[in-house]
PDB file of N, CA and C in Angstrom:
ATOM      1  N   MET A   1      63.611 164.310  43.747  1.00  0.00           N
ATOM      2  CA  MET A   1      63.917 163.740  45.068  1.00  0.00           C
ATOM      3  C   MET A   1      65.388 164.017  45.414  1.00  0.00           C
ATOM      4  N   SER A   2      65.629 164.410  46.637  1.00  0.00           N
ATOM      5  CA  SER A   2      67.005 164.716  47.034  1.00  0.00           C
ATOM      6  C   SER A   2      67.813 163.429  47.200  1.00  0.00           C
ATOM      7  N   PRO A   3      69.102 163.486  46.886  1.00  0.00           N
ATOM      8  CA  PRO A   3      69.956 162.277  47.000  1.00  0.00           C
ATOM      9  C   PRO A   3      69.925 161.668  48.393  1.00  0.00           C
ATOM     10  N   GLN A   4      69.877 162.541  49.416  1.00  0.00           N
ATOM     11  CA  GLN A   4      69.897 162.029  50.782  1.00  0.00           C
ATOM     12  C   GLN A   4      68.635 161.224  51.076  1.00  0.00           C
ATOM     13  N   LEU A   5      67.489 161.762  50.659  1.00  0.00           N
ATOM     14  CA  LEU A   5      66.230 161.050  50.870  1.00  0.00           C
ATOM     15  C   LEU A   5      66.259 159.706  50.150  1.00  0.00           C
ATOM     16  N   ASP A   6      66.751 159.730  48.923  1.00  0.00           N
ATOM     17  CA  ASP A   6      66.829 158.512  48.129  1.00  0.00           C
ATOM     18  C   ASP A   6      67.679 157.466  48.843  1.00  0.00           C
ATOM     19  N   ARG A   7      68.811 157.931  49.404  1.00  0.00           N
ATOM     20  CA  ARG A   7      69.708 157.014  50.110  1.00  0.00           C
ATOM     21  C   ARG A   7      69.001 156.408  51.321  1.00  0.00           C
ATOM     22  N   GLU A   8      68.287 157.260  52.060  1.00  0.00           N
ATOM     23  CA  GLU A   8      67.561 156.781  53.246  1.00  0.00           C
ATOM     24  C   GLU A   8      66.533 155.721  52.857  1.00  0.00           C
ATOM     25  N   LEU A   9      65.782 156.007  51.806  1.00  0.00           N
ATOM     26  CA  LEU A   9      64.749 155.069  51.367  1.00  0.00           C
ATOM     27  C   LEU A   9      65.366 153.736  50.962  1.00  0.00           C
ATOM     28  N   ARG A  10      66.494 153.823  50.246  1.00  0.00           N
ATOM     29  CA  ARG A  10      67.139 152.588  49.800  1.00  0.00           C
ATOM     30  C   ARG A  10      67.604 151.771  50.998  1.00  0.00           C
ATOM     31  N   ARG A  11      68.163 152.474  52.008  1.00  0.00           N
ATOM     32  CA  ARG A  11      68.644 151.776  53.196  1.00  0.00           C
ATOM     33  C   ARG A  11      67.476 151.108  53.925  1.00  0.00           C
ATOM     34  N   LEU A  12      66.358 151.820  54.012  1.00  0.00           N
ATOM     35  CA  LEU A  12      65.182 151.268  54.683  1.00  0.00           C
ATOM     36  C   LEU A  12      64.680 150.024  53.955  1.00  0.00           C
ATOM     37  N   SER A  13      64.620 150.105  52.626  1.00  0.00           N
ATOM     38  CA  SER A  13      64.110 148.969  51.865  1.00  0.00           C
ATOM     39  C   SER A  13      65.028 147.763  52.027  1.00  0.00           C
ATOM     40  N   VAL A  14      66.337 148.017  52.105  1.00  0.00           N
ATOM     41  CA  VAL A  14      67.287 146.909  52.303  1.00  0.00           C
ATOM     42  C   VAL A  14      67.050 146.259  53.659  1.00  0.00           C
ATOM     43  N   LEU A  15      66.859 147.091  54.685  1.00  0.00           N
ATOM     44  CA  LEU A  15      66.608 146.553  56.021  1.00  0.00           C
ATOM     45  C   LEU A  15      65.318 145.749  56.042  1.00  0.00           C
ATOM     46  N   GLN A  16      64.287 146.280  55.389  1.00  0.00           N
ATOM     47  CA  GLN A  16      63.007 145.572  55.351  1.00  0.00           C
ATOM     48  C   GLN A  16      63.150 144.235  54.633  1.00  0.00           C
ATOM     49  N   ALA A  17      63.873 144.244  53.524  1.00  0.00           N
ATOM     50  CA  ALA A  17      64.063 143.013  52.763  1.00  0.00           C
ATOM     51  C   ALA A  17      64.770 141.969  53.619  1.00  0.00           C
ATOM     52  N   ARG A  18      65.796 142.407  54.358  1.00  0.00           N
ATOM     53  CA  ARG A  18      66.518 141.471  55.239  1.00  0.00           C
ATOM     54  C   ARG A  18      65.573 140.895  56.276  1.00  0.00           C
ATOM     55  N   GLU A  19      64.723 141.765  56.837  1.00  0.00           N
ATOM     56  CA  GLU A  19      63.787 141.318  57.862  1.00  0.00           C
ATOM     57  C   GLU A  19      62.827 140.276  57.299  1.00  0.00           C
ATOM     58  N   VAL A  20      62.317 140.544  56.096  1.00  0.00           N
ATOM     59  CA  VAL A  20      61.381 139.618  55.459  1.00  0.00           C
ATOM     60  C   VAL A  20      62.056 138.272  55.215  1.00  0.00           C
ATOM     61  N   VAL A  21      63.290 138.319  54.712  1.00  0.00           N
ATOM     62  CA  VAL A  21      64.020 137.075  54.433  1.00  0.00           C
ATOM     63  C   VAL A  21      64.236 136.291  55.722  1.00  0.00           C
ATOM     64  N   ALA A  22      64.624 136.996  56.793  1.00  0.00           N
ATOM     65  CA  ALA A  22      64.861 136.326  58.072  1.00  0.00           C
ATOM     66  C   ALA A  22      63.578 135.686  58.579  1.00  0.00           C
ATOM     67  N   ARG A  23      62.461 136.422  58.448  1.00  0.00           N
ATOM     68  CA  ARG A  23      61.187 135.889  58.921  1.00  0.00           C
ATOM     69  C   ARG A  23      60.803 134.654  58.118  1.00  0.00           C
ATOM     70  N   ARG A  24      61.046 134.712  56.802  1.00  0.00           N
ATOM     71  CA  ARG A  24      60.696 133.580  55.944  1.00  0.00           C
ATOM     72  C   ARG A  24      61.532 132.368  56.325  1.00  0.00           C
ATOM     73  N   ARG A  25      62.843 132.587  56.554  1.00  0.00           N
ATOM     74  CA  ARG A  25      63.718 131.476  56.943  1.00  0.00           C
ATOM     75  C   ARG A  25      63.243 130.858  58.243  1.00  0.00           C
ATOM     76  N   ARG A  26      62.838 131.727  59.196  1.00  0.00           N
ATOM     77  CA  ARG A  26      62.400 131.237  60.495  1.00  0.00           C
ATOM     78  C   ARG A  26      61.162 130.357  60.340  1.00  0.00           C
ATOM     79  N   SER A  27      60.197 130.808  59.527  1.00  0.00           N
ATOM     80  CA  SER A  27      58.963 130.049  59.362  1.00  0.00           C
ATOM     81  C   SER A  27      59.246 128.717  58.668  1.00  0.00           C
ATOM     82  N   VAL A  28      60.171 128.743  57.703  1.00  0.00           N
ATOM     83  CA  VAL A  28      60.532 127.503  57.011  1.00  0.00           C
ATOM     84  C   VAL A  28      61.165 126.534  57.994  1.00  0.00           C
ATOM     85  N   ARG A  29      62.026 127.056  58.878  1.00  0.00           N
ATOM     86  CA  ARG A  29      62.700 126.199  59.851  1.00  0.00           C
ATOM     87  C   ARG A  29      61.680 125.563  60.782  1.00  0.00           C
ATOM     88  N   VAL A  30      60.732 126.354  61.242  1.00  0.00           N
ATOM     89  CA  VAL A  30      59.695 125.827  62.135  1.00  0.00           C
ATOM     90  C   VAL A  30      58.914 124.733  61.427  1.00  0.00           C
ATOM     91  N   ARG A  31      58.564 124.984  60.163  1.00  0.00           N
ATOM     92  CA  ARG A  31      57.790 124.009  59.399  1.00  0.00           C
ATOM     93  C   ARG A  31      58.570 122.706  59.268  1.00  0.00           C
ATOM     94  N   GLN A  32      59.881 122.807  59.009  1.00  0.00           N
ATOM     95  CA  GLN A  32      60.700 121.609  58.858  1.00  0.00           C
ATOM     96  C   GLN A  32      60.758 120.827  60.163  1.00  0.00           C
ATOM     97  N   GLU A  33      60.876 121.555  61.290  1.00  0.00           N
ATOM     98  CA  GLU A  33      60.921 120.875  62.581  1.00  0.00           C
ATOM     99  C   GLU A  33      59.633 120.105  62.822  1.00  0.00           C
ATOM    100  N   VAL A  34      58.500 120.714  62.485  1.00  0.00           N
ATOM    101  CA  VAL A  34      57.209 120.050  62.679  1.00  0.00           C
ATOM    102  C   VAL A  34      57.141 118.792  61.820  1.00  0.00           C
ATOM    103  N   VAL A  35      57.625 118.888  60.581  1.00  0.00           N
ATOM    104  CA  VAL A  35      57.607 117.731  59.688  1.00  0.00           C
ATOM    105  C   VAL A  35      58.492 116.625  60.253  1.00  0.00           C
ATOM    106  N   LEU A  36      59.661 117.002  60.776  1.00  0.00           N
ATOM    107  CA  LEU A  36      60.569 116.005  61.338  1.00  0.00           C
ATOM    108  C   LEU A  36      59.926 115.306  62.523  1.00  0.00           C
ATOM    109  N   ARG A  37      59.114 116.069  63.281  1.00  0.00           N
ATOM    110  CA  ARG A  37      58.449 115.470  64.429  1.00  0.00           C
ATOM    111  C   ARG A  37      57.346 114.506  63.999  1.00  0.00           C
ATOM    112  N   GLY A  38      56.966 114.563  62.734  1.00  0.00           N
ATOM    113  CA  GLY A  38      55.943 113.643  62.253  1.00  0.00           C
ATOM    114  C   GLY A  38      54.579 114.305  62.146  1.00  0.00           C
ATOM    115  N   GLY A  39      54.502 115.622  62.386  1.00  0.00           N
ATOM    116  CA  GLY A  39      53.212 116.305  62.293  1.00  0.00           C
ATOM    117  C   GLY A  39      53.053 116.953  60.934  1.00  0.00           C
ATOM    118  N   ARG A  40      52.999 116.146  59.896  1.00  0.00           N
ATOM    119  CA  ARG A  40      52.960 116.692  58.542  1.00  0.00           C
ATOM    120  C   ARG A  40      51.674 117.488  58.298  1.00  0.00           C
ATOM    121  N   ALA A  41      50.567 117.032  58.869  1.00  0.00           N
ATOM    122  CA  ALA A  41      49.293 117.743  58.692  1.00  0.00           C
ATOM    123  C   ALA A  41      49.379 119.134  59.319  1.00  0.00           C
ATOM    124  N   VAL A  42      50.019 119.208  60.491  1.00  0.00           N
ATOM    125  CA  VAL A  42      50.167 120.497  61.171  1.00  0.00           C
ATOM    126  C   VAL A  42      51.019 121.431  60.316  1.00  0.00           C
ATOM    127  N   ALA A  43      52.075 120.895  59.717  1.00  0.00           N
ATOM    128  CA  ALA A  43      52.956 121.711  58.885  1.00  0.00           C
ATOM    129  C   ALA A  43      52.186 122.254  57.688  1.00  0.00           C
ATOM    130  N   ARG A  44      51.325 121.425  57.108  1.00  0.00           N
ATOM    131  CA  ARG A  44      50.570 121.859  55.945  1.00  0.00           C
ATOM    132  C   ARG A  44      49.566 122.947  56.338  1.00  0.00           C
ATOM    133  N   ALA A  45      48.987 122.811  57.527  1.00  0.00           N
ATOM    134  CA  ALA A  45      47.971 123.768  57.974  1.00  0.00           C
ATOM    135  C   ALA A  45      48.586 125.124  58.285  1.00  0.00           C
ATOM    136  N   SER A  46      49.838 125.145  58.742  1.00  0.00           N
ATOM    137  CA  SER A  46      50.468 126.403  59.158  1.00  0.00           C
ATOM    138  C   SER A  46      50.902 127.232  57.956  1.00  0.00           C
ATOM    139  N   ARG A  47      50.915 126.640  56.750  1.00  0.00           N
ATOM    140  CA  ARG A  47      51.416 127.361  55.592  1.00  0.00           C
ATOM    141  C   ARG A  47      50.477 128.498  55.189  1.00  0.00           C
TER     142      ARG A  47
END
């Protein structure tokens, strides 16, 4: 594999990982808001 290709792949995987982490944080935040509102059953169902 050429070094340039390897670098590109690594950069892509880093971007994807960041995206996944951001999405996970967002879903956790939404779940917490629902729990705070008192809809614990709804929070459990969305998991």
